[in-house]
Amino acid sequence: MKIKPLNDRVLVLRIEQEEKTSGGIIIPDTAKEKPQEGKVIAVGPGKVNDKGERIPLEVKEKDKVLFGKYSGSEIKVDGVEHLIMREDDILAIVQ
């Protein structure tokens, strides 16, 4: 299934964190927090301003991004959980 986000929305795939701490302790699934880091899979064309001009997004496909803990809406694409969120919900692009 292909998904094309509308306007200033972005489709993000969460990047799973390590299941072990640096000291070698394994973290159980119940104690893990959902990662706040992901990879941009698809982006919309951009937001339209008051003059009717389209403002392109700063993020691009394949960018690694950080986002807020409760940002976006969870959706399943081909059985894999993704997030769809506005560009405003993205906090930073990881270089």
C-alpha atoms as a PDB file:
ATOM      1  CA  MET A   1       0.000   0.000   0.000  1.00  0.00           C
ATOM      2  CA  LYS A   2       1.345   3.456  -0.897  1.00  0.00           C
ATOM      3  CA  ILE A   3       0.438   6.450   1.255  1.00  0.00           C
ATOM      4  CA  LYS A   4       0.906  10.072   0.188  1.00  0.00           C
ATOM      5  CA  PRO A   5       0.417  12.506   3.111  1.00  0.00           C
ATOM      6  CA  LEU A   6      -1.573  15.672   2.434  1.00  0.00           C
ATOM      7  CA  ASN A   7      -0.445  19.275   2.964  1.00  0.00           C
ATOM      8  CA  ASP A   8       2.148  19.554   5.781  1.00  0.00           C
ATOM      9  CA  ARG A   9       1.807  15.986   7.053  1.00  0.00           C
ATOM     10  CA  VAL A  10       4.657  13.478   7.257  1.00  0.00           C
ATOM     11  CA  LEU A  11       4.660   9.656   7.449  1.00  0.00           C
ATOM     12  CA  VAL A  12       7.271   8.408   9.955  1.00  0.00           C
ATOM     13  CA  LEU A  13       8.497   4.912  10.824  1.00  0.00           C
ATOM     14  CA  ARG A  14       9.681   4.634  14.428  1.00  0.00           C
ATOM     15  CA  ILE A  15      13.283   3.501  14.923  1.00  0.00           C
ATOM     16  CA  GLU A  16      13.352   0.864  17.662  1.00  0.00           C
ATOM     17  CA  GLN A  17      15.728   1.412  20.560  1.00  0.00           C
ATOM     18  CA  GLU A  18      18.174  -1.123  21.920  1.00  0.00           C
ATOM     19  CA  GLU A  19      16.724  -3.763  24.220  1.00  0.00           C
ATOM     20  CA  LYS A  20      19.859  -3.749  26.389  1.00  0.00           C
ATOM     21  CA  THR A  21      21.385  -0.989  28.486  1.00  0.00           C
ATOM     22  CA  SER A  22      25.086  -0.155  28.245  1.00  0.00           C
ATOM     23  CA  GLY A  23      25.591  -2.204  31.429  1.00  0.00           C
ATOM     24  CA  GLY A  24      24.091  -5.283  29.770  1.00  0.00           C
ATOM     25  CA  ILE A  25      20.682  -5.241  31.491  1.00  0.00           C
ATOM     26  CA  ILE A  26      17.880  -6.405  29.189  1.00  0.00           C
ATOM     27  CA  ILE A  27      14.816  -4.134  29.249  1.00  0.00           C
ATOM     28  CA  PRO A  28      11.464  -6.006  29.152  1.00  0.00           C
ATOM     29  CA  ASP A  29       8.741  -4.891  26.699  1.00  0.00           C
ATOM     30  CA  THR A  30       6.507  -3.672  29.534  1.00  0.00           C
ATOM     31  CA  ALA A  31       9.173  -1.240  30.789  1.00  0.00           C
ATOM     32  CA  LYS A  32      10.148   0.143  27.383  1.00  0.00           C
ATOM     33  CA  GLU A  33       8.980   3.553  26.265  1.00  0.00           C
ATOM     34  CA  LYS A  34       8.021   4.108  22.650  1.00  0.00           C
ATOM     35  CA  PRO A  35      10.926   5.620  20.729  1.00  0.00           C
ATOM     36  CA  GLN A  36      10.817   9.313  19.888  1.00  0.00           C
ATOM     37  CA  GLU A  37      13.085   8.909  16.895  1.00  0.00           C
ATOM     38  CA  GLY A  38      12.060   7.865  13.408  1.00  0.00           C
ATOM     39  CA  LYS A  39      12.741   7.814   9.699  1.00  0.00           C
ATOM     40  CA  VAL A  40      10.623   9.892   7.313  1.00  0.00           C
ATOM     41  CA  ILE A  41       8.954   7.585   4.780  1.00  0.00           C
ATOM     42  CA  ALA A  42       6.798  10.104   2.856  1.00  0.00           C
ATOM     43  CA  VAL A  43       6.055  13.848   2.961  1.00  0.00           C
ATOM     44  CA  GLY A  44       3.158  15.954   1.754  1.00  0.00           C
ATOM     45  CA  PRO A  45       3.510  18.803  -0.757  1.00  0.00           C
ATOM     46  CA  GLY A  46       3.485  21.536   1.928  1.00  0.00           C
ATOM     47  CA  LYS A  47       1.147  23.980   3.604  1.00  0.00           C
ATOM     48  CA  VAL A  48      -0.774  26.636   1.656  1.00  0.00           C
ATOM     49  CA  ASN A  49      -0.438  30.170   3.074  1.00  0.00           C
ATOM     50  CA  ASP A  50      -3.046  32.973   3.031  1.00  0.00           C
ATOM     51  CA  LYS A  51      -1.947  34.093  -0.456  1.00  0.00           C
ATOM     52  CA  GLY A  52      -2.508  30.609  -1.894  1.00  0.00           C
ATOM     53  CA  GLU A  53       1.213  29.886  -2.254  1.00  0.00           C
ATOM     54  CA  ARG A  54       2.473  26.449  -1.236  1.00  0.00           C
ATOM     55  CA  ILE A  55       5.268  26.440   1.351  1.00  0.00           C
ATOM     56  CA  PRO A  56       7.474  23.324   0.916  1.00  0.00           C
ATOM     57  CA  LEU A  57       8.423  21.221   3.947  1.00  0.00           C
ATOM     58  CA  GLU A  58      11.910  21.276   5.487  1.00  0.00           C
ATOM     59  CA  VAL A  59      11.986  17.523   6.088  1.00  0.00           C
ATOM     60  CA  LYS A  60      12.577  15.105   3.211  1.00  0.00           C
ATOM     61  CA  GLU A  61      12.136  11.387   2.728  1.00  0.00           C
ATOM     62  CA  LYS A  62      14.815   9.294   4.481  1.00  0.00           C
ATOM     63  CA  ASP A  63      15.555  12.059   7.057  1.00  0.00           C
ATOM     64  CA  LYS A  64      16.068  10.836  10.617  1.00  0.00           C
ATOM     65  CA  VAL A  65      13.901  12.955  12.940  1.00  0.00           C
ATOM     66  CA  LEU A  66      13.037  13.465  16.607  1.00  0.00           C
ATOM     67  CA  PHE A  67       9.417  14.065  17.606  1.00  0.00           C
ATOM     68  CA  GLY A  68       7.347  14.582  20.758  1.00  0.00           C
ATOM     69  CA  LYS A  69       6.288  11.654  22.932  1.00  0.00           C
ATOM     70  CA  TYR A  70       2.580  11.906  22.072  1.00  0.00           C
ATOM     71  CA  SER A  71       2.911  13.333  18.540  1.00  0.00           C
ATOM     72  CA  GLY A  72       0.971  12.086  15.560  1.00  0.00           C
ATOM     73  CA  SER A  73      -1.592   9.387  14.921  1.00  0.00           C
ATOM     74  CA  GLU A  74      -0.637   5.724  14.735  1.00  0.00           C
ATOM     75  CA  ILE A  75      -1.578   3.850  11.550  1.00  0.00           C
ATOM     76  CA  LYS A  76      -0.652   0.452  10.119  1.00  0.00           C
ATOM     77  CA  VAL A  77       0.785   0.229   6.612  1.00  0.00           C
ATOM     78  CA  ASP A  78       1.237  -3.329   5.341  1.00  0.00           C
ATOM     79  CA  GLY A  79       1.134  -4.589   8.949  1.00  0.00           C
ATOM     80  CA  VAL A  80       3.871  -2.202  10.150  1.00  0.00           C
ATOM     81  CA  GLU A  81       3.043   0.570  12.618  1.00  0.00           C
ATOM     82  CA  HIS A  82       3.778   4.116  11.391  1.00  0.00           C
ATOM     83  CA  LEU A  83       2.980   7.616  12.614  1.00  0.00           C
ATOM     84  CA  ILE A  84       1.399  10.348  10.548  1.00  0.00           C
ATOM     85  CA  MET A  85       2.010  13.830  11.951  1.00  0.00           C
ATOM     86  CA  ARG A  86       2.257  17.471  11.016  1.00  0.00           C
ATOM     87  CA  GLU A  87       5.679  18.915  10.311  1.00  0.00           C
ATOM     88  CA  ASP A  88       5.170  21.175  13.370  1.00  0.00           C
ATOM     89  CA  ASP A  89       5.237  18.047  15.594  1.00  0.00           C
ATOM     90  CA  ILE A  90       8.795  17.243  14.455  1.00  0.00           C
ATOM     91  CA  LEU A  91      11.318  18.715  16.874  1.00  0.00           C
ATOM     92  CA  ALA A  92      14.586  18.186  14.998  1.00  0.00           C
ATOM     93  CA  ILE A  93      16.338  16.515  12.083  1.00  0.00           C
ATOM     94  CA  VAL A  94      19.220  14.274  13.200  1.00  0.00           C
ATOM     95  CA  GLN A  95      22.353  14.864  11.090  1.00  0.00           C
END
